[in-house]
Amino acid sequence: MNDTLDKDALMAEKVDSAIRKAAQKVLETAKQTHTSVVIWEHDQIKEVPPEEMEMRLNAGLSMEARA
């Protein structure tokens, strides 16, 4: 059973890493094309400038590091 938990944790890390890489790519593309990032927030579709989205992501990463 411990082996299953280890595999699940490893898979979760891989998924998290892939999502973070995709988010970075989205931010880079938005900056290069001077377009907003479209997100789902509070049951609404919102357009967020890439600089603001980057600040939100960095703040979220800081919060995770403290946990």
C-alpha atoms as a PDB file:
ATOM      1  CA  MET A   1       0.000   0.000   0.000  1.00  0.00           C
ATOM      2  CA  ASN A   2       2.875   2.368   0.729  1.00  0.00           C
ATOM      3  CA  ASP A   3       4.143   1.760  -2.815  1.00  0.00           C
ATOM      4  CA  THR A   4       0.788   2.940  -4.191  1.00  0.00           C
ATOM      5  CA  LEU A   5       0.979   6.126  -2.132  1.00  0.00           C
ATOM      6  CA  ASP A   6       4.511   6.774  -3.405  1.00  0.00           C
ATOM      7  CA  LYS A   7       3.387   6.285  -7.014  1.00  0.00           C
ATOM      8  CA  ASP A   8       0.408   8.589  -6.468  1.00  0.00           C
ATOM      9  CA  ALA A   9       2.614  11.275  -4.930  1.00  0.00           C
ATOM     10  CA  LEU A  10       5.089  11.006  -7.808  1.00  0.00           C
ATOM     11  CA  MET A  11       2.275  11.264 -10.341  1.00  0.00           C
ATOM     12  CA  ALA A  12       0.851  14.304  -8.541  1.00  0.00           C
ATOM     13  CA  GLU A  13       4.283  15.967  -8.674  1.00  0.00           C
ATOM     14  CA  LYS A  14       4.560  15.250 -12.399  1.00  0.00           C
ATOM     15  CA  VAL A  15       1.093  16.646 -13.076  1.00  0.00           C
ATOM     16  CA  ASP A  16       1.823  19.745 -10.980  1.00  0.00           C
ATOM     17  CA  SER A  17       5.086  20.301 -12.848  1.00  0.00           C
ATOM     18  CA  ALA A  18       3.393  19.948 -16.237  1.00  0.00           C
ATOM     19  CA  ILE A  19       0.677  22.442 -15.276  1.00  0.00           C
ATOM     20  CA  ARG A  20       3.264  24.956 -14.039  1.00  0.00           C
ATOM     21  CA  LYS A  21       5.236  24.625 -17.302  1.00  0.00           C
ATOM     22  CA  ALA A  22       2.058  25.128 -19.322  1.00  0.00           C
ATOM     23  CA  ALA A  23       1.185  28.222 -17.274  1.00  0.00           C
ATOM     24  CA  GLN A  24       4.651  29.675 -17.913  1.00  0.00           C
ATOM     25  CA  LYS A  25       4.224  29.067 -21.639  1.00  0.00           C
ATOM     26  CA  VAL A  26       0.834  30.785 -21.595  1.00  0.00           C
ATOM     27  CA  LEU A  27       2.340  33.803 -19.793  1.00  0.00           C
ATOM     28  CA  GLU A  28       5.243  34.025 -22.235  1.00  0.00           C
ATOM     29  CA  THR A  29       2.907  33.873 -25.218  1.00  0.00           C
ATOM     30  CA  ALA A  30       0.556  36.484 -23.715  1.00  0.00           C
ATOM     31  CA  LYS A  31       3.469  38.841 -23.073  1.00  0.00           C
ATOM     32  CA  GLN A  32       4.863  38.384 -26.592  1.00  0.00           C
ATOM     33  CA  THR A  33       1.491  38.927 -28.249  1.00  0.00           C
ATOM     34  CA  HIS A  34       0.323  41.670 -25.857  1.00  0.00           C
ATOM     35  CA  THR A  35      -2.847  39.749 -25.034  1.00  0.00           C
ATOM     36  CA  SER A  36      -4.648  38.887 -21.815  1.00  0.00           C
ATOM     37  CA  VAL A  37      -4.764  35.502 -20.130  1.00  0.00           C
ATOM     38  CA  VAL A  38      -8.293  34.110 -19.975  1.00  0.00           C
ATOM     39  CA  ILE A  39      -9.145  32.413 -16.677  1.00  0.00           C
ATOM     40  CA  TRP A  40     -12.150  31.015 -14.833  1.00  0.00           C
ATOM     41  CA  GLU A  41     -12.573  32.767 -11.482  1.00  0.00           C
ATOM     42  CA  HIS A  42     -15.566  33.079  -9.143  1.00  0.00           C
ATOM     43  CA  ASP A  43     -17.847  31.338 -11.646  1.00  0.00           C
ATOM     44  CA  GLN A  44     -16.936  33.832 -14.382  1.00  0.00           C
ATOM     45  CA  ILE A  45     -14.635  34.016 -17.364  1.00  0.00           C
ATOM     46  CA  LYS A  46     -12.139  36.841 -16.867  1.00  0.00           C
ATOM     47  CA  GLU A  47      -9.345  38.397 -18.911  1.00  0.00           C
ATOM     48  CA  VAL A  48      -6.257  39.193 -16.860  1.00  0.00           C
ATOM     49  CA  PRO A  49      -3.154  41.038 -18.093  1.00  0.00           C
ATOM     50  CA  PRO A  50      -0.153  38.691 -18.155  1.00  0.00           C
ATOM     51  CA  GLU A  51       1.763  40.825 -15.642  1.00  0.00           C
ATOM     52  CA  GLU A  52      -1.071  40.542 -13.129  1.00  0.00           C
ATOM     53  CA  MET A  53      -1.377  36.812 -13.755  1.00  0.00           C
ATOM     54  CA  GLU A  54       2.350  36.405 -13.173  1.00  0.00           C
ATOM     55  CA  MET A  55       2.069  38.260  -9.857  1.00  0.00           C
ATOM     56  CA  ARG A  56      -0.848  36.033  -8.837  1.00  0.00           C
ATOM     57  CA  LEU A  57       1.079  32.883  -9.698  1.00  0.00           C
ATOM     58  CA  ASN A  58       4.189  34.071  -7.866  1.00  0.00           C
ATOM     59  CA  ALA A  59       2.109  34.962  -4.808  1.00  0.00           C
ATOM     60  CA  GLY A  60       0.549  31.498  -4.903  1.00  0.00           C
ATOM     61  CA  LEU A  61       3.965  29.859  -5.097  1.00  0.00           C
ATOM     62  CA  SER A  62       5.137  31.919  -2.119  1.00  0.00           C
ATOM     63  CA  MET A  63       2.120  30.793  -0.113  1.00  0.00           C
ATOM     64  CA  GLU A  64       2.808  27.149  -0.999  1.00  0.00           C
ATOM     65  CA  ALA A  65       6.420  27.452   0.118  1.00  0.00           C
ATOM     66  CA  ARG A  66       5.290  28.620   3.551  1.00  0.00           C
ATOM     67  CA  ALA A  67       2.863  25.711   4.021  1.00  0.00           C
END
